[in-house]
Full PDB file with SEQRES, HELIX, SHEET, SSBOND, CRYST1, ORIGX, SCALE, CONECT and MASTER records, all heavy atoms in Angstrom:
SEQRES   1 A   34  SER GLY GLY GLY LEU VAL GLN ALA GLY GLY SER LEU ARG          
SEQRES   2 A   34  LEU SER CYS ALA ALA SER GLY ARG THR PRO SER ILE SER          
SEQRES   3 A   34  THR MET GLY TRP PHE ARG GLN ALA                              
HELIX    1 AA1 THR A   22  SER A   24  5                                   3    
CRYST1    1.000    1.000    1.000  90.00  90.00  90.00 P 1           1          
ORIGX1      1.000000  0.000000  0.000000        0.00000                         
ORIGX2      0.000000  1.000000  0.000000        0.00000                         
ORIGX3      0.000000  0.000000  1.000000        0.00000                         
SCALE1      1.000000  0.000000  0.000000        0.00000                         
SCALE2      0.000000  1.000000  0.000000        0.00000                         
SCALE3      0.000000  0.000000  1.000000        0.00000                         
ATOM      1  N   SER A   1     -73.975 -26.317  -4.186  1.00  0.00           N  
ATOM      2  CA  SER A   1     -75.167 -26.896  -4.795  1.00  0.00           C  
ATOM      3  C   SER A   1     -76.035 -27.484  -3.688  1.00  0.00           C  
ATOM      4  O   SER A   1     -75.579 -27.651  -2.556  1.00  0.00           O  
ATOM      5  CB  SER A   1     -74.789 -27.979  -5.807  1.00  0.00           C  
ATOM      6  OG  SER A   1     -74.079 -29.026  -5.179  1.00  0.00           O  
ATOM      7  N   GLY A   2     -77.276 -27.785  -4.031  1.00  0.00           N  
ATOM      8  CA  GLY A   2     -78.148 -28.475  -3.101  1.00  0.00           C  
ATOM      9  C   GLY A   2     -79.227 -27.638  -2.453  1.00  0.00           C  
ATOM     10  O   GLY A   2     -80.069 -28.165  -1.721  1.00  0.00           O  
ATOM     11  N   GLY A   3     -79.215 -26.337  -2.693  1.00  0.00           N  
ATOM     12  CA  GLY A   3     -80.258 -25.498  -2.097  1.00  0.00           C  
ATOM     13  C   GLY A   3     -81.616 -25.748  -2.728  1.00  0.00           C  
ATOM     14  O   GLY A   3     -81.728 -26.431  -3.748  1.00  0.00           O  
ATOM     15  N   GLY A   4     -82.660 -25.212  -2.101  1.00  0.00           N  
ATOM     16  CA  GLY A   4     -83.996 -25.380  -2.646  1.00  0.00           C  
ATOM     17  C   GLY A   4     -85.060 -25.031  -1.637  1.00  0.00           C  
ATOM     18  O   GLY A   4     -84.787 -24.363  -0.630  1.00  0.00           O  
ATOM     19  N   LEU A   5     -86.261 -25.499  -1.922  1.00  0.00           N  
ATOM     20  CA  LEU A   5     -87.427 -25.238  -1.077  1.00  0.00           C  
ATOM     21  C   LEU A   5     -87.784 -26.505  -0.308  1.00  0.00           C  
ATOM     22  O   LEU A   5     -87.860 -27.592  -0.884  1.00  0.00           O  
ATOM     23  CB  LEU A   5     -88.603 -24.804  -1.948  1.00  0.00           C  
ATOM     24  CG  LEU A   5     -89.963 -24.625  -1.274  1.00  0.00           C  
ATOM     25  CD1 LEU A   5     -89.914 -23.494  -0.252  1.00  0.00           C  
ATOM     26  CD2 LEU A   5     -91.046 -24.365  -2.321  1.00  0.00           C  
ATOM     27  N   VAL A   6     -87.996 -26.350   0.988  1.00  0.00           N  
ATOM     28  CA  VAL A   6     -88.345 -27.491   1.826  1.00  0.00           C  
ATOM     29  C   VAL A   6     -89.329 -27.032   2.895  1.00  0.00           C  
ATOM     30  O   VAL A   6     -89.323 -25.864   3.285  1.00  0.00           O  
ATOM     31  CB  VAL A   6     -87.076 -28.110   2.459  1.00  0.00           C  
ATOM     32  CG1 VAL A   6     -86.402 -27.121   3.407  1.00  0.00           C  
ATOM     33  CG2 VAL A   6     -87.372 -29.419   3.151  1.00  0.00           C  
ATOM     34  N   GLN A   7     -90.165 -27.947   3.360  1.00  0.00           N  
ATOM     35  CA  GLN A   7     -91.093 -27.608   4.429  1.00  0.00           C  
ATOM     36  C   GLN A   7     -90.397 -27.659   5.780  1.00  0.00           C  
ATOM     37  O   GLN A   7     -89.400 -28.375   5.953  1.00  0.00           O  
ATOM     38  CB  GLN A   7     -92.273 -28.582   4.425  1.00  0.00           C  
ATOM     39  CG  GLN A   7     -93.229 -28.383   3.252  1.00  0.00           C  
ATOM     40  CD  GLN A   7     -94.480 -29.228   3.386  1.00  0.00           C  
ATOM     41  OE1 GLN A   7     -94.455 -30.278   4.018  1.00  0.00           O  
ATOM     42  NE2 GLN A   7     -95.558 -28.762   2.787  1.00  0.00           N  
ATOM     43  N   ALA A   8     -90.927 -26.925   6.709  1.00  0.00           N  
ATOM     44  CA  ALA A   8     -90.393 -26.944   8.067  1.00  0.00           C  
ATOM     45  C   ALA A   8     -90.355 -28.377   8.592  1.00  0.00           C  
ATOM     46  O   ALA A   8     -91.303 -29.143   8.387  1.00  0.00           O  
ATOM     47  CB  ALA A   8     -91.228 -26.058   8.977  1.00  0.00           C  
ATOM     48  N   GLY A   9     -89.254 -28.712   9.245  1.00  0.00           N  
ATOM     49  CA  GLY A   9     -89.070 -30.061   9.746  1.00  0.00           C  
ATOM     50  C   GLY A   9     -88.343 -30.975   8.776  1.00  0.00           C  
ATOM     51  O   GLY A   9     -87.921 -32.079   9.149  1.00  0.00           O  
ATOM     52  N   GLY A  10     -88.192 -30.518   7.544  1.00  0.00           N  
ATOM     53  CA  GLY A  10     -87.533 -31.316   6.518  1.00  0.00           C  
ATOM     54  C   GLY A  10     -86.026 -31.181   6.545  1.00  0.00           C  
ATOM     55  O   GLY A  10     -85.447 -30.542   7.446  1.00  0.00           O  
ATOM     56  N   SER A  11     -85.388 -31.780   5.543  1.00  0.00           N  
ATOM     57  CA  SER A  11     -83.922 -31.809   5.472  1.00  0.00           C  
ATOM     58  C   SER A  11     -83.447 -31.402   4.090  1.00  0.00           C  
ATOM     59  O   SER A  11     -84.147 -31.588   3.088  1.00  0.00           O  
ATOM     60  CB  SER A  11     -83.405 -33.219   5.776  1.00  0.00           C  
ATOM     61  OG  SER A  11     -83.754 -33.634   7.072  1.00  0.00           O  
ATOM     62  N   LEU A  12     -82.242 -30.860   4.070  1.00  0.00           N  
ATOM     63  CA  LEU A  12     -81.537 -30.566   2.821  1.00  0.00           C  
ATOM     64  C   LEU A  12     -80.058 -30.837   3.047  1.00  0.00           C  
ATOM     65  O   LEU A  12     -79.564 -30.712   4.184  1.00  0.00           O  
ATOM     66  CB  LEU A  12     -81.710 -29.098   2.408  1.00  0.00           C  
ATOM     67  CG  LEU A  12     -82.948 -28.674   1.630  1.00  0.00           C  
ATOM     68  CD1 LEU A  12     -82.925 -27.167   1.395  1.00  0.00           C  
ATOM     69  CD2 LEU A  12     -83.067 -29.415   0.313  1.00  0.00           C  
ATOM     70  N   ARG A  13     -79.378 -31.158   1.969  1.00  0.00           N  
ATOM     71  CA  ARG A  13     -77.931 -31.357   2.048  1.00  0.00           C  
ATOM     72  C   ARG A  13     -77.269 -30.444   1.035  1.00  0.00           C  
ATOM     73  O   ARG A  13     -77.516 -30.562  -0.176  1.00  0.00           O  
ATOM     74  CB  ARG A  13     -77.566 -32.810   1.762  1.00  0.00           C  
ATOM     75  CG  ARG A  13     -76.083 -33.130   1.955  1.00  0.00           C  
ATOM     76  CD  ARG A  13     -75.823 -34.611   1.728  1.00  0.00           C  
ATOM     77  NE  ARG A  13     -74.437 -34.991   1.953  1.00  0.00           N  
ATOM     78  CZ  ARG A  13     -73.951 -35.357   3.132  1.00  0.00           C  
ATOM     79  NH1 ARG A  13     -74.748 -35.394   4.187  1.00  0.00           N  
ATOM     80  NH2 ARG A  13     -72.675 -35.699   3.255  1.00  0.00           N  
ATOM     81  N   LEU A  14     -76.461 -29.541   1.523  1.00  0.00           N  
ATOM     82  CA  LEU A  14     -75.697 -28.644   0.666  1.00  0.00           C  
ATOM     83  C   LEU A  14     -74.302 -29.222   0.439  1.00  0.00           C  
ATOM     84  O   LEU A  14     -73.727 -29.833   1.343  1.00  0.00           O  
ATOM     85  CB  LEU A  14     -75.566 -27.255   1.294  1.00  0.00           C  
ATOM     86  CG  LEU A  14     -76.859 -26.555   1.710  1.00  0.00           C  
ATOM     87  CD1 LEU A  14     -76.549 -25.166   2.266  1.00  0.00           C  
ATOM     88  CD2 LEU A  14     -77.847 -26.485   0.573  1.00  0.00           C  
ATOM     89  N   SER A  15     -73.794 -29.001  -0.762  1.00  0.00           N  
ATOM     90  CA  SER A  15     -72.439 -29.437  -1.077  1.00  0.00           C  
ATOM     91  C   SER A  15     -71.627 -28.270  -1.597  1.00  0.00           C  
ATOM     92  O   SER A  15     -72.171 -27.352  -2.214  1.00  0.00           O  
ATOM     93  CB  SER A  15     -72.464 -30.547  -2.127  1.00  0.00           C  
ATOM     94  OG  SER A  15     -73.032 -31.723  -1.616  1.00  0.00           O  
ATOM     95  N   CYS A  16     -70.331 -28.339  -1.365  1.00  0.00           N  
ATOM     96  CA  CYS A  16     -69.424 -27.302  -1.840  1.00  0.00           C  
ATOM     97  C   CYS A  16     -68.205 -28.006  -2.423  1.00  0.00           C  
ATOM     98  O   CYS A  16     -67.463 -28.675  -1.693  1.00  0.00           O  
ATOM     99  CB  CYS A  16     -69.009 -26.388  -0.697  1.00  0.00           C  
ATOM    100  SG  CYS A  16     -67.781 -25.145  -1.163  1.00  0.00           S  
ATOM    101  N   ALA A  17     -68.032 -27.864  -3.726  1.00  0.00           N  
ATOM    102  CA  ALA A  17     -66.901 -28.498  -4.413  1.00  0.00           C  
ATOM    103  C   ALA A  17     -65.765 -27.489  -4.533  1.00  0.00           C  
ATOM    104  O   ALA A  17     -65.961 -26.382  -5.057  1.00  0.00           O  
ATOM    105  CB  ALA A  17     -67.331 -28.975  -5.789  1.00  0.00           C  
ATOM    106  N   ALA A  18     -64.601 -27.881  -4.046  1.00  0.00           N  
ATOM    107  CA  ALA A  18     -63.417 -27.013  -4.102  1.00  0.00           C  
ATOM    108  C   ALA A  18     -62.490 -27.472  -5.211  1.00  0.00           C  
ATOM    109  O   ALA A  18     -62.275 -28.667  -5.401  1.00  0.00           O  
ATOM    110  CB  ALA A  18     -62.687 -27.045  -2.760  1.00  0.00           C  
ATOM    111  N   SER A  19     -61.919 -26.512  -5.917  1.00  0.00           N  
ATOM    112  CA  SER A  19     -60.936 -26.810  -6.965  1.00  0.00           C  
ATOM    113  C   SER A  19     -59.852 -25.751  -6.941  1.00  0.00           C  
ATOM    114  O   SER A  19     -59.964 -24.733  -6.263  1.00  0.00           O  
ATOM    115  CB  SER A  19     -61.614 -26.867  -8.336  1.00  0.00           C  
ATOM    116  OG  SER A  19     -62.206 -25.627  -8.655  1.00  0.00           O  
ATOM    117  N   GLY A  20     -58.788 -26.007  -7.675  1.00  0.00           N  
ATOM    118  CA  GLY A  20     -57.669 -25.074  -7.680  1.00  0.00           C  
ATOM    119  C   GLY A  20     -56.646 -25.470  -6.631  1.00  0.00           C  
ATOM    120  O   GLY A  20     -56.319 -26.640  -6.491  1.00  0.00           O  
ATOM    121  N   ARG A  21     -56.186 -24.517  -5.861  1.00  0.00           N  
ATOM    122  CA  ARG A  21     -55.124 -24.750  -4.888  1.00  0.00           C  
ATOM    123  C   ARG A  21     -55.675 -25.348  -3.594  1.00  0.00           C  
ATOM    124  O   ARG A  21     -55.492 -24.799  -2.499  1.00  0.00           O  
ATOM    125  CB  ARG A  21     -54.372 -23.463  -4.619  1.00  0.00           C  
ATOM    126  CG  ARG A  21     -53.654 -22.891  -5.846  1.00  0.00           C  
ATOM    127  CD  ARG A  21     -52.810 -21.689  -5.511  1.00  0.00           C  
ATOM    128  NE  ARG A  21     -51.719 -22.042  -4.588  1.00  0.00           N  
ATOM    129  CZ  ARG A  21     -50.869 -21.174  -4.081  1.00  0.00           C  
ATOM    130  NH1 ARG A  21     -50.979 -19.882  -4.390  1.00  0.00           N  
ATOM    131  NH2 ARG A  21     -49.916 -21.566  -3.265  1.00  0.00           N  
ATOM    132  N   THR A  22     -56.322 -26.480  -3.700  1.00  0.00           N  
ATOM    133  CA  THR A  22     -56.935 -27.100  -2.526  1.00  0.00           C  
ATOM    134  C   THR A  22     -55.929 -27.507  -1.441  1.00  0.00           C  
ATOM    135  O   THR A  22     -56.295 -27.524  -0.265  1.00  0.00           O  
ATOM    136  CB  THR A  22     -57.796 -28.299  -2.932  1.00  0.00           C  
ATOM    137  OG1 THR A  22     -57.000 -29.213  -3.686  1.00  0.00           O  
ATOM    138  CG2 THR A  22     -58.982 -27.843  -3.780  1.00  0.00           C  
ATOM    139  N   PRO A  23     -54.685 -27.859  -1.767  1.00  0.00           N  
ATOM    140  CA  PRO A  23     -53.737 -28.175  -0.688  1.00  0.00           C  
ATOM    141  C   PRO A  23     -53.479 -27.004   0.250  1.00  0.00           C  
ATOM    142  O   PRO A  23     -52.974 -27.197   1.362  1.00  0.00           O  
ATOM    143  CB  PRO A  23     -52.456 -28.543  -1.456  1.00  0.00           C  
ATOM    144  CG  PRO A  23     -52.934 -29.044  -2.763  1.00  0.00           C  
ATOM    145  CD  PRO A  23     -54.089 -28.152  -3.087  1.00  0.00           C  
ATOM    146  N   SER A  24     -53.821 -25.787  -0.178  1.00  0.00           N  
ATOM    147  CA  SER A  24     -53.596 -24.615   0.670  1.00  0.00           C  
ATOM    148  C   SER A  24     -54.710 -24.398   1.684  1.00  0.00           C  
ATOM    149  O   SER A  24     -54.598 -23.569   2.583  1.00  0.00           O  
ATOM    150  CB  SER A  24     -53.467 -23.354  -0.198  1.00  0.00           C  
ATOM    151  OG  SER A  24     -54.709 -23.029  -0.790  1.00  0.00           O  
ATOM    152  N   ILE A  25     -55.800 -25.137   1.565  1.00  0.00           N  
ATOM    153  CA  ILE A  25     -56.962 -24.926   2.435  1.00  0.00           C  
ATOM    154  C   ILE A  25     -56.674 -25.391   3.857  1.00  0.00           C  
ATOM    155  O   ILE A  25     -56.185 -26.492   4.073  1.00  0.00           O  
ATOM    156  CB  ILE A  25     -58.197 -25.656   1.881  1.00  0.00           C  
ATOM    157  CG1 ILE A  25     -58.583 -25.106   0.520  1.00  0.00           C  
ATOM    158  CG2 ILE A  25     -59.362 -25.517   2.861  1.00  0.00           C  
ATOM    159  CD1 ILE A  25     -59.717 -25.872  -0.141  1.00  0.00           C  
ATOM    160  N   SER A  26     -57.000 -24.545   4.823  1.00  0.00           N  
ATOM    161  CA  SER A  26     -56.898 -24.932   6.233  1.00  0.00           C  
ATOM    162  C   SER A  26     -58.278 -25.157   6.849  1.00  0.00           C  
ATOM    163  O   SER A  26     -58.443 -25.994   7.732  1.00  0.00           O  
ATOM    164  CB  SER A  26     -56.183 -23.840   7.029  1.00  0.00           C  
ATOM    165  OG  SER A  26     -56.980 -22.661   7.106  1.00  0.00           O  
ATOM    166  N   THR A  27     -59.268 -24.399   6.372  1.00  0.00           N  
ATOM    167  CA  THR A  27     -60.597 -24.422   6.950  1.00  0.00           C  
ATOM    168  C   THR A  27     -61.632 -24.243   5.849  1.00  0.00           C  
ATOM    169  O   THR A  27     -61.416 -23.474   4.905  1.00  0.00           O  
ATOM    170  CB  THR A  27     -60.786 -23.255   7.939  1.00  0.00           C  
ATOM    171  OG1 THR A  27     -59.606 -23.024   8.688  1.00  0.00           O  
ATOM    172  CG2 THR A  27     -61.960 -23.504   8.866  1.00  0.00           C  
ATOM    173  N   MET A  28     -62.747 -24.940   5.981  1.00  0.00           N  
ATOM    174  CA  MET A  28     -63.905 -24.712   5.124  1.00  0.00           C  
ATOM    175  C   MET A  28     -65.061 -24.323   6.025  1.00  0.00           C  
ATOM    176  O   MET A  28     -65.306 -24.961   7.048  1.00  0.00           O  
ATOM    177  CB  MET A  28     -64.253 -25.967   4.335  1.00  0.00           C  
ATOM    178  CG  MET A  28     -63.220 -26.339   3.291  1.00  0.00           C  
ATOM    179  SD  MET A  28     -63.261 -25.258   1.860  1.00  0.00           S  
ATOM    180  CE  MET A  28     -64.776 -25.796   1.067  1.00  0.00           C  
ATOM    181  N   GLY A  29     -65.761 -23.280   5.615  1.00  0.00           N  
ATOM    182  CA  GLY A  29     -66.860 -22.804   6.438  1.00  0.00           C  
ATOM    183  C   GLY A  29     -68.142 -22.614   5.648  1.00  0.00           C  
ATOM    184  O   GLY A  29     -68.124 -22.528   4.411  1.00  0.00           O  
ATOM    185  N   TRP A  30     -69.231 -22.566   6.389  1.00  0.00           N  
ATOM    186  CA  TRP A  30     -70.538 -22.234   5.821  1.00  0.00           C  
ATOM    187  C   TRP A  30     -71.071 -21.006   6.554  1.00  0.00           C  
ATOM    188  O   TRP A  30     -71.046 -20.940   7.787  1.00  0.00           O  
ATOM    189  CB  TRP A  30     -71.525 -23.392   5.985  1.00  0.00           C  
ATOM    190  CG  TRP A  30     -71.275 -24.549   5.084  1.00  0.00           C  
ATOM    191  CD1 TRP A  30     -70.575 -25.686   5.380  1.00  0.00           C  
ATOM    192  CD2 TRP A  30     -71.720 -24.706   3.737  1.00  0.00           C  
ATOM    193  NE1 TRP A  30     -70.556 -26.522   4.297  1.00  0.00           N  
ATOM    194  CE2 TRP A  30     -71.259 -25.949   3.270  1.00  0.00           C  
ATOM    195  CE3 TRP A  30     -72.468 -23.913   2.870  1.00  0.00           C  
ATOM    196  CZ2 TRP A  30     -71.516 -26.422   1.978  1.00  0.00           C  
ATOM    197  CZ3 TRP A  30     -72.724 -24.374   1.589  1.00  0.00           C  
ATOM    198  CH2 TRP A  30     -72.256 -25.614   1.155  1.00  0.00           C  
ATOM    199  N   PHE A  31     -71.556 -20.076   5.773  1.00  0.00           N  
ATOM    200  CA  PHE A  31     -72.196 -18.877   6.296  1.00  0.00           C  
ATOM    201  C   PHE A  31     -73.559 -18.743   5.628  1.00  0.00           C  
ATOM    202  O   PHE A  31     -73.832 -19.394   4.613  1.00  0.00           O  
ATOM    203  CB  PHE A  31     -71.336 -17.638   5.983  1.00  0.00           C  
ATOM    204  CG  PHE A  31     -70.045 -17.577   6.755  1.00  0.00           C  
ATOM    205  CD1 PHE A  31     -68.973 -18.364   6.394  1.00  0.00           C  
ATOM    206  CD2 PHE A  31     -69.912 -16.729   7.841  1.00  0.00           C  
ATOM    207  CE1 PHE A  31     -67.774 -18.319   7.119  1.00  0.00           C  
ATOM    208  CE2 PHE A  31     -68.724 -16.673   8.565  1.00  0.00           C  
ATOM    209  CZ  PHE A  31     -67.657 -17.470   8.198  1.00  0.00           C  
ATOM    210  N   ARG A  32     -74.386 -17.894   6.175  1.00  0.00           N  
ATOM    211  CA  ARG A  32     -75.675 -17.654   5.546  1.00  0.00           C  
ATOM    212  C   ARG A  32     -76.085 -16.202   5.712  1.00  0.00           C  
ATOM    213  O   ARG A  32     -75.662 -15.536   6.661  1.00  0.00           O  
ATOM    214  CB  ARG A  32     -76.752 -18.574   6.120  1.00  0.00           C  
ATOM    215  CG  ARG A  32     -77.153 -18.261   7.548  1.00  0.00           C  
ATOM    216  CD  ARG A  32     -78.121 -19.323   8.069  1.00  0.00           C  
ATOM    217  NE  ARG A  32     -78.675 -18.966   9.366  1.00  0.00           N  
ATOM    218  CZ  ARG A  32     -79.450 -19.788  10.083  1.00  0.00           C  
ATOM    219  NH1 ARG A  32     -79.759 -20.990   9.630  1.00  0.00           N  
ATOM    220  NH2 ARG A  32     -79.923 -19.378  11.244  1.00  0.00           N  
ATOM    221  N   GLN A  33     -76.906 -15.749   4.787  1.00  0.00           N  
ATOM    222  CA  GLN A  33     -77.422 -14.390   4.860  1.00  0.00           C  
ATOM    223  C   GLN A  33     -78.898 -14.400   4.535  1.00  0.00           C  
ATOM    224  O   GLN A  33     -79.308 -14.749   3.424  1.00  0.00           O  
ATOM    225  CB  GLN A  33     -76.680 -13.478   3.877  1.00  0.00           C  
ATOM    226  CG  GLN A  33     -77.059 -12.015   4.019  1.00  0.00           C  
ATOM    227  CD  GLN A  33     -76.127 -11.092   3.264  1.00  0.00           C  
ATOM    228  OE1 GLN A  33     -75.431 -11.493   2.343  1.00  0.00           O  
ATOM    229  NE2 GLN A  33     -76.091  -9.836   3.667  1.00  0.00           N  
ATOM    230  N   ALA A  34     -79.687 -14.049   5.540  1.00  0.00           N  
ATOM    231  CA  ALA A  34     -81.130 -13.951   5.378  1.00  0.00           C  
ATOM    232  C   ALA A  34     -81.487 -12.579   4.818  1.00  0.00           C  
ATOM    233  O   ALA A  34     -80.719 -11.618   4.984  1.00  0.00           O  
ATOM    234  CB  ALA A  34     -81.822 -14.183   6.716  1.00  0.00           C  
TER     235      ALA A  34                                                      
MASTER        0    0    0    1    0    0    0    6  234    1    0    3          
END                                                                             
C-alpha cells in the first residue's frame, strides 16, 4: 500500500504487510518495474 502520484522532489512511503508463515521469512525486498 502507499503508492500514488507525487511531484518530483516529493516523498512517498510504501508499506508491505506480511501474513501467513512469517517466521519462515529471511529477507524482504522491494523491486520495481517501469
